[in-house]
Protein backbone atom coordinates (compact mmCIF):
# COMPACT_ATOMS: atom_id res chain seq x y z
CA UNK A 1 -25.63 8.42 -7.25
CA UNK A 2 -27.49 5.21 -7.94
CA UNK A 3 -30.90 6.04 -9.42
CA UNK A 4 -34.12 4.07 -9.37
CA UNK A 5 -33.63 3.35 -13.08
CA UNK A 6 -30.24 1.84 -12.26
CA UNK A 7 -31.78 -0.32 -9.56
CA UNK A 8 -34.62 -1.55 -11.78
CA UNK A 9 -32.15 -2.39 -14.53
CA UNK A 10 -29.89 -4.11 -12.02
CA UNK A 11 -32.74 -6.13 -10.59
CA UNK A 12 -33.85 -7.16 -14.08
CA UNK A 13 -30.33 -8.27 -14.98
CA UNK A 14 -30.10 -10.21 -11.74
CA UNK A 15 -33.35 -12.00 -12.49
CA UNK A 16 -32.16 -12.94 -15.96
CA UNK A 17 -28.86 -14.16 -14.51
CA UNK A 18 -30.53 -16.31 -11.86
CA UNK A 19 -33.08 -17.69 -14.29
CA UNK A 20 -30.41 -18.72 -16.77
CA UNK A 21 -27.59 -21.18 -16.46
CA UNK A 22 -25.55 -19.88 -13.57
CA UNK A 23 -21.83 -20.02 -14.26
CA UNK A 24 -19.66 -21.66 -11.64
CA UNK A 25 -17.77 -19.20 -9.48
CA UNK A 26 -14.03 -19.21 -10.04
CA UNK A 27 -12.34 -21.39 -7.44
CA UNK A 28 -8.84 -20.83 -6.04
CA UNK A 29 -6.20 -22.95 -7.76
CA UNK A 30 -4.84 -26.05 -6.10
CA UNK A 31 -1.38 -24.48 -6.30
CA UNK A 32 -2.58 -21.51 -4.20
CA UNK A 33 -4.27 -23.84 -1.70
CA UNK A 34 -1.12 -25.93 -1.33
CA UNK A 35 1.10 -22.85 -0.88
CA UNK A 36 -1.35 -21.40 1.65
CA UNK A 37 -1.41 -24.61 3.67
CA UNK A 38 2.38 -24.63 3.72
CA UNK A 39 2.31 -21.14 5.28
CA UNK A 40 -0.30 -22.38 7.76
CA UNK A 41 -1.63 -19.10 9.12
CA UNK A 42 -3.15 -15.73 8.27
CA UNK A 43 -2.95 -12.66 10.53
CA UNK A 44 -5.93 -10.36 10.03
CA UNK A 45 -6.39 -6.85 11.47
CA UNK A 46 -10.13 -6.27 11.73
CA UNK A 47 -12.58 -3.66 12.92
CA UNK A 48 -15.61 -5.88 12.39
CA UNK A 49 -17.77 -7.21 15.23
CA UNK A 50 -16.00 -10.30 16.56
CA UNK A 51 -18.91 -12.40 17.82
CA UNK A 52 -21.22 -11.47 14.98
CA UNK A 53 -18.91 -11.97 12.00
CA UNK A 54 -15.20 -12.47 12.72
CA UNK A 55 -15.47 -15.71 14.70
CA UNK A 56 -17.84 -17.39 12.22
CA UNK A 57 -15.37 -16.60 9.42
CA UNK A 58 -12.42 -17.83 11.49
CA UNK A 59 -14.15 -21.13 12.23
CA UNK A 60 -15.42 -21.72 8.68
CA UNK A 61 -12.14 -20.86 6.95
CA UNK A 62 -10.16 -23.02 9.39
CA UNK A 63 -12.54 -25.94 8.94
CA UNK A 64 -12.36 -25.71 5.15
CA UNK A 65 -8.60 -25.34 4.69
CA UNK A 66 -7.00 -26.31 7.99
CA UNK A 67 -5.31 -22.91 8.15
CA UNK A 68 -5.28 -20.82 11.32
CA UNK A 69 -6.96 -17.45 10.88
CA UNK A 70 -5.59 -15.29 13.68
CA UNK A 71 -7.34 -11.96 14.14
CA UNK A 72 -6.53 -8.82 16.09
CA UNK A 73 -9.19 -6.17 16.62
CA UNK A 74 -7.97 -2.86 15.27
CA UNK A 75 -9.64 0.41 14.32
CA UNK A 76 -8.51 2.19 11.17
CA UNK A 77 -6.16 4.69 12.83
CA UNK A 78 -4.61 1.89 14.87
CA UNK A 79 -4.20 -0.28 11.76
CA UNK A 80 -2.42 2.53 9.92
CA UNK A 81 -0.09 3.11 12.88
CA UNK A 82 0.69 -0.60 13.28
CA UNK A 83 1.42 -1.24 9.62
CA UNK A 84 3.56 1.85 9.14
CA UNK A 85 5.54 1.00 12.28
CA UNK A 86 6.04 -2.59 11.14
CA UNK A 87 7.14 -1.41 7.69
CA UNK A 88 9.75 0.93 9.20
CA UNK A 89 11.07 -1.90 11.37
CA UNK A 90 10.99 -4.26 8.36
CA UNK A 91 9.08 -6.76 10.48
CA UNK A 92 5.62 -6.98 8.94
CA UNK A 93 3.26 -9.01 11.11
CA UNK A 94 -0.12 -8.62 9.43
CA UNK A 95 -1.23 -10.23 6.17
CA UNK A 96 -4.61 -8.59 5.55
CA UNK A 97 -6.71 -5.79 7.02
CA UNK A 98 -10.29 -4.65 6.62
CA UNK A 99 -11.60 -1.09 6.71
CA UNK A 100 -14.73 1.01 6.23
CA UNK A 101 -12.51 3.00 3.87
CA UNK A 102 -10.52 5.46 5.94
CA UNK A 103 -7.37 3.32 6.16
CA UNK A 104 -7.12 2.95 2.38
CA UNK A 105 -5.77 6.42 1.37
CA UNK A 106 -2.95 6.66 3.95
CA UNK A 107 -1.82 3.06 3.44
CA UNK A 108 -1.98 3.47 -0.35
CA UNK A 109 0.14 6.62 -0.07
CA UNK A 110 2.60 4.75 2.15
CA UNK A 111 2.85 1.94 -0.39
CA UNK A 112 1.69 -0.66 2.12
CA UNK A 113 -1.08 -2.28 0.07
CA UNK A 114 -0.33 -5.06 -2.40
CA UNK A 115 -2.74 -4.90 -5.36
CA UNK A 116 -4.70 -8.14 -5.63
CA UNK A 117 -7.99 -9.03 -7.30
CA UNK A 118 -9.59 -12.25 -6.01
CA UNK A 119 -10.76 -14.35 -8.95
CA UNK A 120 -14.04 -15.03 -7.16
CA UNK A 121 -14.97 -11.34 -7.38
CA UNK A 122 -15.04 -11.38 -11.19
CA UNK A 123 -18.84 -11.19 -11.18
CA UNK A 124 -18.97 -8.33 -8.66
CA UNK A 125 -20.14 -4.86 -9.67
CA UNK A 126 -17.33 -2.49 -10.66
CA UNK A 127 -17.77 -0.31 -7.55
CA UNK A 128 -16.73 -3.26 -5.36
CA UNK A 129 -13.38 -3.84 -7.13
CA UNK A 130 -11.49 -0.74 -8.32
CA UNK A 131 -9.13 -0.95 -11.32
CA UNK A 132 -6.24 -0.26 -8.93
CA UNK A 133 -6.99 -3.61 -7.21
CA UNK A 134 -5.99 -2.08 -3.88
CA UNK A 135 -9.09 -3.46 -2.17
CA UNK A 136 -12.11 -5.68 -2.67
CA UNK A 137 -15.44 -4.91 -1.03
CA UNK A 138 -16.97 -7.62 1.15
CA UNK A 139 -20.23 -5.78 1.68
CA UNK A 140 -21.88 -2.39 1.30
CA UNK A 141 -23.42 -0.53 4.22
CA UNK A 142 -26.13 2.09 4.04
CA UNK A 143 -26.36 5.08 6.37
CA UNK A 144 -29.64 6.81 6.99
CA UNK A 145 -32.02 8.14 9.64
CA UNK A 146 -33.44 6.01 12.45
CA UNK A 147 -36.01 6.89 15.10
CA UNK A 148 -37.40 5.61 18.38
CA UNK A 149 -40.84 4.12 17.65
CA UNK A 150 -41.93 4.57 21.27
CA UNK A 151 -41.28 8.31 21.09
CA UNK A 152 -42.15 8.99 17.45
CA UNK A 153 -45.20 7.62 15.66
CA UNK A 154 -44.48 6.19 12.18
CA UNK A 155 -46.76 8.74 10.51
CA UNK A 156 -44.89 11.56 12.28
CA UNK A 157 -41.36 10.34 11.55
CA UNK A 158 -39.29 12.41 9.12
CA UNK A 159 -39.22 10.87 5.64
CA UNK A 160 -37.17 13.41 3.70
CA UNK A 161 -34.18 15.62 4.45
CA UNK A 162 -36.46 18.65 4.53
CA UNK A 163 -38.59 16.96 7.20
CA UNK A 164 -35.57 17.13 9.53
CA UNK A 165 -35.96 20.91 9.55
CA UNK A 166 -39.28 20.76 11.42
CA UNK A 167 -38.88 22.82 14.64
CA UNK A 168 -40.26 19.93 16.72
CA UNK A 169 -36.98 18.02 16.21
CA UNK A 170 -34.78 20.80 17.59
CA UNK A 171 -32.43 19.33 20.22
CA UNK A 172 -33.84 15.83 19.71
CA UNK A 173 -31.46 14.65 16.99
CA UNK A 174 -28.07 12.97 17.50
CA UNK A 175 -25.24 11.79 15.26
CA UNK A 176 -21.76 10.43 15.80
CA UNK A 177 -18.81 12.81 15.85
CA UNK A 178 -16.95 10.50 13.45
CA UNK A 179 -14.77 12.63 11.17
CA UNK A 180 -15.13 10.52 8.06
CA UNK A 181 -17.44 9.54 5.25
CA UNK A 182 -19.51 7.38 7.62
CA UNK A 183 -20.16 10.36 9.89
CA UNK A 184 -21.50 13.91 9.55
CA UNK A 185 -18.99 14.86 6.78
CA UNK A 186 -20.50 12.06 4.68
CA UNK A 187 -23.98 13.44 5.38
CA UNK A 188 -22.77 16.87 4.24
CA UNK A 189 -21.20 15.41 1.10
CA UNK A 190 -24.42 13.57 0.26
CA UNK A 191 -26.45 16.77 0.62
CA UNK A 192 -24.07 18.80 -1.57
CA UNK A 193 -23.95 16.08 -4.23
CA UNK A 194 -27.73 15.74 -4.20
CA UNK A 195 -28.84 19.37 -3.91
CA UNK A 196 -25.89 21.18 -5.45
CA UNK A 197 -23.55 23.60 -3.70
CA UNK A 198 -25.82 26.66 -3.31
CA UNK A 199 -29.03 24.92 -2.33
CA UNK A 200 -27.14 22.35 -0.26
CA UNK A 201 -25.31 24.97 1.79
CA UNK A 202 -28.59 26.80 2.43
CA UNK A 203 -30.13 23.54 3.64
CA UNK A 204 -27.18 22.76 5.92
CA UNK A 205 -27.38 26.22 7.48
CA UNK A 206 -31.01 25.54 8.40
CA UNK A 207 -30.20 22.05 9.68
CA UNK A 208 -27.49 23.47 11.94
CA UNK A 209 -30.18 25.48 13.72
CA UNK A 210 -31.68 22.17 14.91
CA UNK A 211 -28.82 21.88 17.42
CA UNK A 212 -27.87 18.31 16.54
CA UNK A 213 -26.00 16.59 19.38
CA UNK A 214 -22.50 15.34 18.49
CA UNK A 215 -21.85 12.06 20.30
CA UNK A 216 -18.27 10.75 20.69
CA UNK A 217 -19.42 7.15 20.16
CA UNK A 218 -19.75 5.31 16.87
CA UNK A 219 -22.90 4.68 14.82
CA UNK A 220 -23.91 1.72 16.99
CA UNK A 221 -23.62 3.81 20.16
CA UNK A 222 -25.75 6.55 18.60
CA UNK A 223 -28.44 4.06 17.62
CA UNK A 224 -28.43 2.55 21.12
CA UNK A 225 -29.04 6.00 22.59
CA UNK A 226 -32.00 6.46 20.24
CA UNK A 227 -33.32 3.05 21.30
CA UNK A 228 -32.89 4.01 24.97
CA UNK A 229 -35.03 7.10 24.38
CA UNK A 230 -32.28 9.63 25.01
CA UNK A 231 -32.95 11.05 21.54
CA UNK A 232 -35.88 10.75 19.16
CA UNK A 233 -33.82 10.60 15.96
CA UNK A 234 -30.37 9.41 14.95
CA UNK A 235 -28.70 10.53 11.73
CA UNK A 236 -26.07 8.57 9.79
CA UNK A 237 -26.90 5.24 11.41
CA UNK A 238 -26.61 1.92 9.56
CA UNK A 239 -29.93 0.52 8.39
CA UNK A 240 -28.87 -3.08 9.09
CA UNK A 241 -28.15 -2.18 12.72
CA UNK A 242 -31.73 -0.92 13.09
CA UNK A 243 -33.07 -4.15 11.56
CA UNK A 244 -30.99 -6.33 13.90
CA UNK A 245 -32.13 -4.33 16.94
CA UNK A 246 -35.77 -4.29 15.86
CA UNK A 247 -35.74 -8.07 15.41
CA UNK A 248 -34.59 -8.31 19.02
CA UNK A 249 -37.56 -6.24 20.18
CA UNK A 250 -36.02 -2.78 20.32
CA UNK A 251 -38.30 0.25 19.63
CA UNK A 252 -36.51 1.41 16.48
CA UNK A 253 -37.09 1.78 12.75
CA UNK A 254 -35.01 3.17 9.92
CA UNK A 255 -36.17 5.61 7.28
CA UNK A 256 -35.68 5.30 3.54
CA UNK A 257 -34.39 8.88 3.38
CA UNK A 258 -33.11 9.05 -0.19
CA UNK A 259 -30.45 9.02 -1.29
CA UNK A 260 -28.87 6.98 1.50
CA UNK A 261 -25.10 7.19 1.94
CA UNK A 262 -23.39 4.03 0.68
CA UNK A 263 -20.19 3.05 2.49
CA UNK A 264 -18.12 -0.01 1.52
CA UNK A 265 -16.60 -2.53 3.90
CA UNK A 266 -13.36 -3.51 2.16
CA UNK A 267 -10.41 -5.85 2.68
CA UNK A 268 -6.87 -5.55 1.36
CA UNK A 269 -3.62 -7.48 1.14
CA UNK A 270 -0.66 -6.03 3.05
CA UNK A 271 2.48 -5.25 1.04
CA UNK A 272 5.26 -7.72 1.95
CA UNK A 273 2.82 -9.84 3.94
CA UNK A 274 4.72 -12.67 5.65
CA UNK A 275 2.14 -15.22 4.48
CA UNK A 276 0.93 -13.90 1.09
CA UNK A 277 -0.53 -17.15 -0.23
CA UNK A 278 -2.61 -17.87 2.86
CA UNK A 279 -3.73 -14.23 2.78
CA UNK A 280 -4.81 -14.50 -0.87
CA UNK A 281 -6.69 -17.71 -0.14
CA UNK A 282 -8.54 -15.98 2.71
CA UNK A 283 -9.49 -13.12 0.37
CA UNK A 284 -10.74 -15.66 -2.17
CA UNK A 285 -12.80 -17.28 0.58
CA UNK A 286 -14.35 -13.98 1.65
CA UNK A 287 -15.65 -13.23 -1.86
CA UNK A 288 -16.86 -16.79 -2.50
CA UNK A 289 -20.50 -17.80 -2.17
CA UNK A 290 -19.65 -19.55 1.10
CA UNK A 291 -17.91 -16.54 2.60
CA UNK A 292 -20.59 -14.13 1.42
CA UNK A 293 -23.32 -16.28 2.97
CA UNK A 294 -21.58 -15.99 6.34
CA UNK A 295 -21.54 -12.22 5.86
CA UNK A 296 -25.24 -12.32 4.99
CA UNK A 297 -26.10 -14.36 8.11
CA UNK A 298 -24.34 -11.72 10.21
CA UNK A 299 -26.86 -9.20 8.86
CA UNK A 300 -24.62 -7.36 6.38
CA UNK A 301 -25.65 -6.75 2.72
CA UNK A 302 -23.19 -8.92 0.70
CA UNK A 303 -21.22 -7.62 -2.27
CA UNK A 304 -21.89 -10.85 -4.21
CA UNK A 305 -24.81 -10.17 -6.60
CA UNK A 306 -25.99 -13.77 -6.20
CA UNK A 307 -26.19 -13.69 -2.39
CA UNK A 308 -29.22 -11.71 -1.27
CA UNK A 309 -29.26 -9.78 1.99
CA UNK A 310 -30.87 -11.63 4.89
CA UNK A 311 -33.40 -8.81 5.12
CA UNK A 312 -34.17 -7.65 1.55
CA UNK A 313 -35.20 -4.19 2.76
CA UNK A 314 -31.62 -3.15 3.61
CA UNK A 315 -30.23 -3.53 0.08
CA UNK A 316 -30.98 -0.95 -2.67
CA UNK A 317 -31.79 -3.50 -5.39
CA UNK A 318 -34.40 -5.33 -3.31
CA UNK A 319 -35.31 -2.53 -0.89
CA UNK A 320 -35.86 -0.09 -3.78
CA UNK A 321 -33.92 2.96 -2.64
CA UNK A 322 -31.29 5.20 -4.21
CA UNK A 323 -27.81 5.78 -2.80
CA UNK A 324 -24.80 8.05 -3.02
CA UNK A 325 -21.58 6.02 -3.00
CA UNK A 326 -18.76 7.59 -0.98
CA UNK A 327 -15.84 5.38 -1.97
CA UNK A 328 -12.72 4.67 0.15
CA UNK A 329 -10.56 6.69 -2.25
CA UNK A 330 -12.18 9.95 -1.05
CA UNK A 331 -12.00 9.15 2.67
CA UNK A 332 -8.73 10.94 3.44
CA UNK A 333 -9.27 13.83 5.87
CA UNK A 334 -6.41 15.87 4.41
CA UNK A 335 -7.60 15.78 0.79
CA UNK A 336 -10.64 16.80 -1.20
CA UNK A 337 -13.57 16.51 -1.06
CA UNK A 338 -13.58 15.24 2.53
CA UNK A 339 -11.42 18.11 3.79
CA UNK A 340 -14.04 20.63 2.58
CA UNK A 341 -16.88 18.64 4.12
CA UNK A 342 -15.05 18.51 7.44
CA UNK A 343 -14.53 22.27 7.35
CA UNK A 344 -18.26 22.81 6.83
CA UNK A 345 -19.02 20.41 9.68
CA UNK A 346 -16.71 22.21 12.09
CA UNK A 347 -17.95 25.65 11.12
CA UNK A 348 -21.66 24.94 11.10
CA UNK A 349 -22.31 22.19 13.62
CA UNK A 350 -20.12 22.98 16.64
C-alpha cells in the first residue's frame, strides 16, 4: 500500500527533479524507426475508449511516423481467445494489446507475450515496469466510491469504509459484477490487505447486509446509473470517470475513501508479432512525453512522472491519497489471491 509518507517523499523528489536540469527522454533509435517504417503498420487490440483515447493516438502516431496504426476493439477475454487461436493456427495477426491486467496472466502462461522494455520508460516508477518486462503501464487508474450529489449532500456522503455500513445506505449502493481486481473482488482484497483477515472478514460480513446491487455492466455503466439517480452510491468506480462527468454537468462526486484501489492500464508486445519493429516503436511512442500527454488529455492519470494528470485531484501524488496496488500478475481468477477473493464475493454478496 502506498502511504502518505511515500507520497510526500515522491512529491518532493518530483519537485527536485523538475527544478533541476531535466534529462532528455530516451528516443527510439533511427534503426528502429527505419525498420518500423519498412513494416508500415501496427495492429493493436484495445479495450480503451475509441473516441476519447484510441483515435487521438492513431492520428498522432501516424502523423509522426507515417505508419498505419490499425486498431480492433477487444475486451480481455476476447483478446486472450483471439491470440491463443492465432497462435495455434500459426497465423498471428496482432502486434500489441492493452489490458487492465486480466489478460496478462493467461497470455503469460501461454507464452504469447514477448518481453520488451521501452527505453522511454526508464524514468518510470518500478511498479509500472516489472522486471519480467512482460508489460509496461501507460497509466494508473484509481477505484473508489462515487455518489449522486442531487440525492446525497456532501456533508452526508460516506467518507470512510465504515461509513458505508450506515443503515441509511441499505439497498442504495451498486457495484459492477466484474469478476476481477477492478470489481468487487478487488474491493474485498483491499479491505483484507488494509484491515487484516479477521477484522476485514467481520467488516465484509456487515457490508453484505447492506444488500449491494450487482450490476452486469462495467464501472462506467455503474457510474451512469448513479448519475441517473437509480442509486445513491457506486462502489469501485474510477475517480477520473467521475471528474469527466462532473465537468460535463453531471450530479456526481467521488470520495477519497482511503486506500483507493490502484489498477494499471498496461500494454504488451505479442510473441511472434508479424510487425515487431513497428510494434516496438508504437510502445516507445506511448511512453514518450508526447504519447503520455495524449493520455493525460483524455483524462487518464499518466504513468510518466513528468506528465501531471489533467485534474491533479485524481492522482495520489498531487491529490494526496493512499492506494493499494493490485498488479496484473495477481489478476488470474484461477490463482491466489484473486481466487479466494472471488469465493468470498460469491459466498457473501449473492
